[in-house]
Amino acid sequence: MVAEAGLVAIGAGLAIGLTAIAAGIAEKEIGSAAVGAITEKEEVFAKGLILTVIPETLVIFGLVVAILILNLAKG
């Protein structure tokens, strides 16, 4: 029973941790491209901002999966 709880915690931690790392890598690439585009053309600021925020939804999905994992393990 204790080992099962540990594995559930590791699974939930991986769900959040891996999505956060992936979002950080994606945001780095998109952010640098957006800054480069904004320096050339200021009209693309809104598009660059929106595209920079999109990878952060991955972390929200990871959080939802982690909550589901924790709740399914209790039931």
C-alpha atoms as a PDB file:
ATOM      1  CA  MET A   1       0.000   0.000   0.000  1.00  0.00           C
ATOM      2  CA  VAL A   2       2.815   2.402   0.860  1.00  0.00           C
ATOM      3  CA  ALA A   3       4.727   1.561  -2.321  1.00  0.00           C
ATOM      4  CA  GLU A   4       1.594   2.207  -4.361  1.00  0.00           C
ATOM      5  CA  ALA A   5       1.201   5.666  -2.810  1.00  0.00           C
ATOM      6  CA  GLY A   6       4.821   6.451  -3.635  1.00  0.00           C
ATOM      7  CA  LEU A   7       4.380   5.425  -7.257  1.00  0.00           C
ATOM      8  CA  VAL A   8       1.236   7.552  -7.514  1.00  0.00           C
ATOM      9  CA  ALA A   9       3.159  10.544  -6.148  1.00  0.00           C
ATOM     10  CA  ILE A  10       5.991   9.944  -8.629  1.00  0.00           C
ATOM     11  CA  GLY A  11       3.479   9.748 -11.480  1.00  0.00           C
ATOM     12  CA  ALA A  12       1.792  12.978 -10.446  1.00  0.00           C
ATOM     13  CA  GLY A  13       5.142  14.709 -10.052  1.00  0.00           C
ATOM     14  CA  LEU A  14       6.268  13.543 -13.486  1.00  0.00           C
ATOM     15  CA  ALA A  15       3.019  14.769 -15.029  1.00  0.00           C
ATOM     16  CA  ILE A  16       3.660  18.287 -13.779  1.00  0.00           C
ATOM     17  CA  GLY A  17       7.459  18.315 -14.007  1.00  0.00           C
ATOM     18  CA  LEU A  18       7.796  17.065 -17.571  1.00  0.00           C
ATOM     19  CA  THR A  19       5.106  19.379 -18.883  1.00  0.00           C
ATOM     20  CA  ALA A  20       6.762  22.330 -17.121  1.00  0.00           C
ATOM     21  CA  ILE A  21      10.132  21.501 -18.688  1.00  0.00           C
ATOM     22  CA  ALA A  22       8.579  21.108 -22.137  1.00  0.00           C
ATOM     23  CA  ALA A  23       6.683  24.383 -21.775  1.00  0.00           C
ATOM     24  CA  GLY A  24       9.863  26.164 -20.711  1.00  0.00           C
ATOM     25  CA  ILE A  25      11.775  24.890 -23.731  1.00  0.00           C
ATOM     26  CA  ALA A  26       8.948  25.819 -26.099  1.00  0.00           C
ATOM     27  CA  GLU A  27       8.515  29.243 -24.536  1.00  0.00           C
ATOM     28  CA  LYS A  28      12.237  29.927 -24.882  1.00  0.00           C
ATOM     29  CA  GLU A  29      12.129  29.311 -28.616  1.00  0.00           C
ATOM     30  CA  ILE A  30       8.876  31.168 -29.209  1.00  0.00           C
ATOM     31  CA  GLY A  31       9.891  34.074 -26.968  1.00  0.00           C
ATOM     32  CA  SER A  32      13.172  34.684 -28.742  1.00  0.00           C
ATOM     33  CA  ALA A  33      11.465  34.560 -32.138  1.00  0.00           C
ATOM     34  CA  ALA A  34       8.722  36.910 -30.919  1.00  0.00           C
ATOM     35  CA  VAL A  35      11.231  39.452 -29.615  1.00  0.00           C
ATOM     36  CA  GLY A  36      13.079  39.338 -32.930  1.00  0.00           C
ATOM     37  CA  ALA A  37       9.851  39.881 -34.843  1.00  0.00           C
ATOM     38  CA  ILE A  38       8.768  42.741 -32.576  1.00  0.00           C
ATOM     39  CA  THR A  39      12.068  44.575 -33.097  1.00  0.00           C
ATOM     40  CA  GLU A  40      11.506  44.490 -36.852  1.00  0.00           C
ATOM     41  CA  LYS A  41       7.761  45.153 -36.852  1.00  0.00           C
ATOM     42  CA  GLU A  42       5.988  46.531 -33.766  1.00  0.00           C
ATOM     43  CA  GLU A  43       2.535  45.587 -35.071  1.00  0.00           C
ATOM     44  CA  VAL A  44       3.127  41.901 -34.267  1.00  0.00           C
ATOM     45  CA  PHE A  45       3.364  42.498 -30.503  1.00  0.00           C
ATOM     46  CA  ALA A  46      -0.100  41.067 -29.749  1.00  0.00           C
ATOM     47  CA  LYS A  47       0.502  37.970 -31.861  1.00  0.00           C
ATOM     48  CA  GLY A  48       3.879  37.431 -30.241  1.00  0.00           C
ATOM     49  CA  LEU A  49       2.377  37.754 -26.776  1.00  0.00           C
ATOM     50  CA  ILE A  50      -0.379  35.263 -27.556  1.00  0.00           C
ATOM     51  CA  LEU A  51       2.049  32.768 -29.060  1.00  0.00           C
ATOM     52  CA  THR A  52       4.309  33.087 -26.031  1.00  0.00           C
ATOM     53  CA  VAL A  53       1.470  32.225 -23.631  1.00  0.00           C
ATOM     54  CA  ILE A  54       0.215  29.156 -25.528  1.00  0.00           C
ATOM     55  CA  PRO A  55       2.878  26.690 -24.220  1.00  0.00           C
ATOM     56  CA  GLU A  56       1.849  27.455 -20.647  1.00  0.00           C
ATOM     57  CA  THR A  57      -1.397  25.586 -21.266  1.00  0.00           C
ATOM     58  CA  LEU A  58       0.715  22.409 -21.274  1.00  0.00           C
ATOM     59  CA  VAL A  59       1.403  22.893 -17.574  1.00  0.00           C
ATOM     60  CA  ILE A  60      -2.309  23.310 -16.902  1.00  0.00           C
ATOM     61  CA  PHE A  61      -2.952  20.009 -18.684  1.00  0.00           C
ATOM     62  CA  GLY A  62      -0.186  18.409 -16.615  1.00  0.00           C
ATOM     63  CA  LEU A  63      -1.807  19.710 -13.439  1.00  0.00           C
ATOM     64  CA  VAL A  64      -5.174  18.268 -14.483  1.00  0.00           C
ATOM     65  CA  VAL A  65      -3.568  14.885 -15.196  1.00  0.00           C
ATOM     66  CA  ALA A  66      -1.780  14.960 -11.830  1.00  0.00           C
ATOM     67  CA  ILE A  67      -5.043  15.716 -10.021  1.00  0.00           C
ATOM     68  CA  LEU A  68      -6.750  12.881 -11.895  1.00  0.00           C
ATOM     69  CA  ILE A  69      -3.928  10.482 -11.000  1.00  0.00           C
ATOM     70  CA  LEU A  70      -4.157  11.408  -7.323  1.00  0.00           C
ATOM     71  CA  ASN A  71      -7.944  11.113  -7.255  1.00  0.00           C
ATOM     72  CA  LEU A  72      -8.034   7.798  -9.130  1.00  0.00           C
ATOM     73  CA  ALA A  73      -5.507   6.304  -6.724  1.00  0.00           C
ATOM     74  CA  LYS A  74      -7.726   7.103  -3.728  1.00  0.00           C
ATOM     75  CA  GLY A  75     -10.794   5.427  -5.242  1.00  0.00           C
END
